[in-house]
Protein backbone atom coordinates (compact mmCIF):
# COMPACT_ATOMS: atom_id res chain seq x y z
CA MET A 1 183.70 77.10 192.29
CA PRO A 2 182.68 74.82 189.99
CA THR A 3 183.71 74.64 186.47
CA VAL A 4 181.20 75.25 183.89
CA SER A 5 183.22 74.30 181.04
CA ASP A 6 186.81 74.30 180.54
CA THR A 7 187.87 74.66 176.35
CA GLU A 8 190.63 74.28 174.84
CA ARG A 9 192.27 78.86 175.62
CA LEU A 10 189.34 79.09 178.78
CA THR A 11 188.33 78.06 181.59
CA ILE A 12 184.05 78.98 182.17
CA ARG A 13 183.28 78.42 185.84
CA HIS A 14 180.65 79.68 188.93
CA PHE A 15 181.73 83.37 190.18
CA ALA A 16 183.30 83.91 193.54
CA HIS A 17 183.45 87.00 195.92
CA GLU A 18 187.08 86.67 195.58
CA ASP A 19 185.90 87.98 191.74
CA ALA A 20 184.51 91.20 193.26
CA ASP A 21 187.57 93.23 191.66
CA PHE A 22 187.15 92.23 188.50
CA ILE A 23 183.40 92.25 188.65
CA VAL A 24 184.28 96.52 189.73
CA ARG A 25 186.58 96.63 186.58
CA LEU A 26 184.10 94.89 183.83
CA LEU A 27 180.96 96.71 184.98
CA ASN A 28 182.82 99.89 185.13
CA GLU A 29 184.10 99.79 181.25
CA PRO A 30 182.66 102.09 178.48
CA SER A 31 182.04 99.82 176.35
CA PHE A 32 180.06 97.51 179.16
CA ILE A 33 177.72 101.00 180.60
CA ARG A 34 177.13 101.75 177.18
CA HIS A 35 175.90 98.91 175.42
CA ILE A 36 174.56 96.83 178.70
CA ALA A 37 173.44 99.24 181.22
CA ASP A 38 175.29 101.12 184.16
CA LYS A 39 175.17 98.80 187.11
CA HIS A 40 175.97 101.38 189.79
CA VAL A 41 178.97 98.78 191.20
CA ARG A 42 181.59 101.36 191.92
CA THR A 43 183.07 99.87 195.32
CA ARG A 44 184.03 95.80 196.40
CA GLU A 45 180.93 96.07 198.60
CA GLU A 46 178.80 96.54 196.04
CA ALA A 47 180.33 94.03 193.70
CA VAL A 48 179.92 91.62 196.25
CA ARG A 49 176.03 92.64 196.59
CA TYR A 50 175.60 92.08 192.79
CA LEU A 51 176.87 88.45 192.84
CA ASP A 52 175.06 87.88 195.29
CA SER A 53 171.96 89.11 193.62
CA GLY A 54 172.71 88.15 190.34
CA PRO A 55 175.28 85.11 189.32
CA MET A 56 175.26 83.12 192.65
CA ALA A 57 171.25 83.85 193.26
CA SER A 58 170.47 82.97 189.43
CA TYR A 59 172.70 79.17 189.97
CA ARG A 60 170.53 78.69 193.15
CA THR A 61 167.19 79.12 191.55
CA HIS A 62 167.85 78.89 188.02
CA GLY A 63 170.62 76.49 188.15
CA PHE A 64 172.87 78.51 185.79
CA GLY A 65 173.80 82.05 185.84
CA LEU A 66 176.62 84.62 184.27
CA ASN A 67 180.12 82.97 184.67
CA LEU A 68 183.99 83.82 185.10
CA VAL A 69 186.29 83.52 181.81
CA GLN A 70 189.07 83.11 182.60
CA LEU A 71 192.37 82.01 180.68
CA LYS A 72 193.42 78.41 180.99
CA GLY A 73 196.26 78.16 183.11
CA GLU A 74 197.30 81.09 184.59
CA GLY A 75 193.64 82.20 185.60
CA THR A 76 193.56 85.72 184.14
CA PRO A 77 189.70 86.69 184.61
CA ILE A 78 188.70 88.11 180.58
CA GLY A 79 185.06 88.37 181.28
CA MET A 80 181.88 87.14 181.90
CA CYS A 81 179.32 84.63 179.65
CA GLY A 82 176.39 82.20 180.89
CA LEU A 83 172.83 81.45 180.38
CA VAL A 84 170.19 84.45 182.35
CA LYS A 85 166.38 83.96 183.05
CA ARG A 86 165.26 87.27 183.13
CA TYR A 87 161.21 87.80 183.63
CA GLU A 88 160.63 90.01 180.48
CA LEU A 89 161.89 87.48 178.35
CA GLU A 90 160.17 83.94 177.50
CA GLY A 91 163.66 81.94 177.94
CA PRO A 92 167.02 81.75 178.78
CA ASP A 93 169.17 84.58 176.86
CA LEU A 94 172.86 84.26 176.36
CA GLY A 95 174.90 87.01 177.93
CA TYR A 96 178.39 88.40 178.42
CA ALA A 97 181.01 90.88 178.10
CA PHE A 98 184.86 91.31 178.12
CA LEU A 99 187.17 93.66 178.85
CA PRO A 100 188.24 95.28 175.96
CA GLU A 101 191.89 93.92 175.53
CA PHE A 102 190.68 90.81 174.70
CA CYS A 103 187.92 91.36 172.73
CA GLY A 104 188.90 90.45 169.22
CA GLN A 105 190.87 87.15 169.93
CA GLY A 106 187.62 84.58 169.62
CA TYR A 107 187.25 84.75 173.34
CA ALA A 108 183.78 85.42 172.93
CA PHE A 109 182.72 83.15 170.60
CA GLU A 110 184.80 80.27 172.34
CA ALA A 111 182.84 80.89 175.78
CA ALA A 112 179.69 81.56 174.15
CA THR A 113 179.73 77.97 172.37
CA ALA A 114 181.07 75.81 175.32
CA VAL A 115 178.25 78.12 177.37
CA LEU A 116 175.58 76.78 175.11
CA GLU A 117 176.59 74.17 174.18
CA GLN A 118 176.65 72.97 178.24
CA GLY A 119 173.59 74.71 178.88
CA MET A 120 171.49 73.44 176.51
CA ARG A 121 172.54 70.03 177.51
CA ALA A 122 172.36 70.35 181.44
CA HIS A 123 169.00 71.81 181.16
CA ALA A 124 166.89 70.49 177.98
CA LEU A 125 166.41 73.51 176.61
CA GLU A 126 165.15 73.68 173.12
CA SER A 127 166.45 77.34 171.94
CA VAL A 128 168.60 80.09 174.13
CA LEU A 129 167.46 83.88 173.34
CA ALA A 130 170.04 86.35 172.84
CA VAL A 131 169.56 90.51 173.47
CA THR A 132 171.98 93.35 171.84
CA LEU A 133 171.51 96.67 170.66
CA PRO A 134 171.20 97.75 167.03
CA ASP A 135 174.12 100.02 167.38
CA ASN A 136 176.52 97.31 168.88
CA ALA A 137 177.94 95.42 165.16
CA ARG A 138 180.14 93.76 167.31
CA SER A 139 177.60 91.60 169.07
CA ASN A 140 175.32 91.69 166.77
CA ARG A 141 177.92 89.51 164.39
CA LEU A 142 178.95 86.99 167.24
CA LEU A 143 175.74 86.16 167.86
CA ARG A 144 175.39 86.31 164.08
CA ALA A 145 178.47 83.27 163.98
CA LEU A 146 176.91 81.45 167.06
CA GLY A 147 174.23 79.86 165.35
CA PHE A 148 171.44 82.86 166.50
CA ARG A 149 168.24 84.26 163.87
CA ALA A 150 167.10 87.39 163.89
CA ARG A 151 163.61 86.95 165.73
CA GLY A 152 162.43 90.97 165.52
CA THR A 153 162.92 93.22 168.14
CA VAL A 154 161.87 93.79 171.88
CA ASP A 155 162.13 96.90 174.50
CA LEU A 156 164.49 96.00 177.14
CA TYR A 157 165.38 98.07 180.06
CA GLY A 158 163.88 101.53 178.44
CA ALA A 159 166.34 100.64 174.96
CA ARG A 160 164.79 98.97 171.93
CA ASN A 161 167.17 95.75 170.94
CA ASN A 162 167.20 93.16 168.39
CA LEU A 163 166.23 89.45 169.72
CA TYR A 164 167.72 86.67 168.50
CA GLU A 165 166.78 83.11 169.36
CA TYR A 166 168.99 79.86 169.22
CA ARG A 167 167.87 76.48 168.11
CA ARG A 168 169.56 72.84 168.71
């Protein structure tokens, strides 16, 4: 699978069907369901369909999408991070989710920094959006640390979200 970026501690690459078991685990974490959504992906087969219709379709359509984030060297999958193009938003936005045991260690910041740099350069983007629930303190803090600026709020998937924008 194509590598999007290598950082000091991480390899960020496109998803493959072989990542389906990891997707089942990540998408069913209580924090994912609470802060992002219940994608109703409970089996390996549903995970393959999610990958086909989500990240892999986005790679073909937009040239970017959510990517697997794994520890460099050992290859342990720890989360996902990438640019997403939702029809509800005017531009691409940064999406990410990590397994709880890998939160609070700087991995999300490291992956998001690499994804923003690579994505903006490769796709000639002037800005990238991000959305998060107001009560998701960790995500709101991460976006501000990355240099995103508050732009207001937006209704997305039945919930009011903070809307951020990152500009070069």
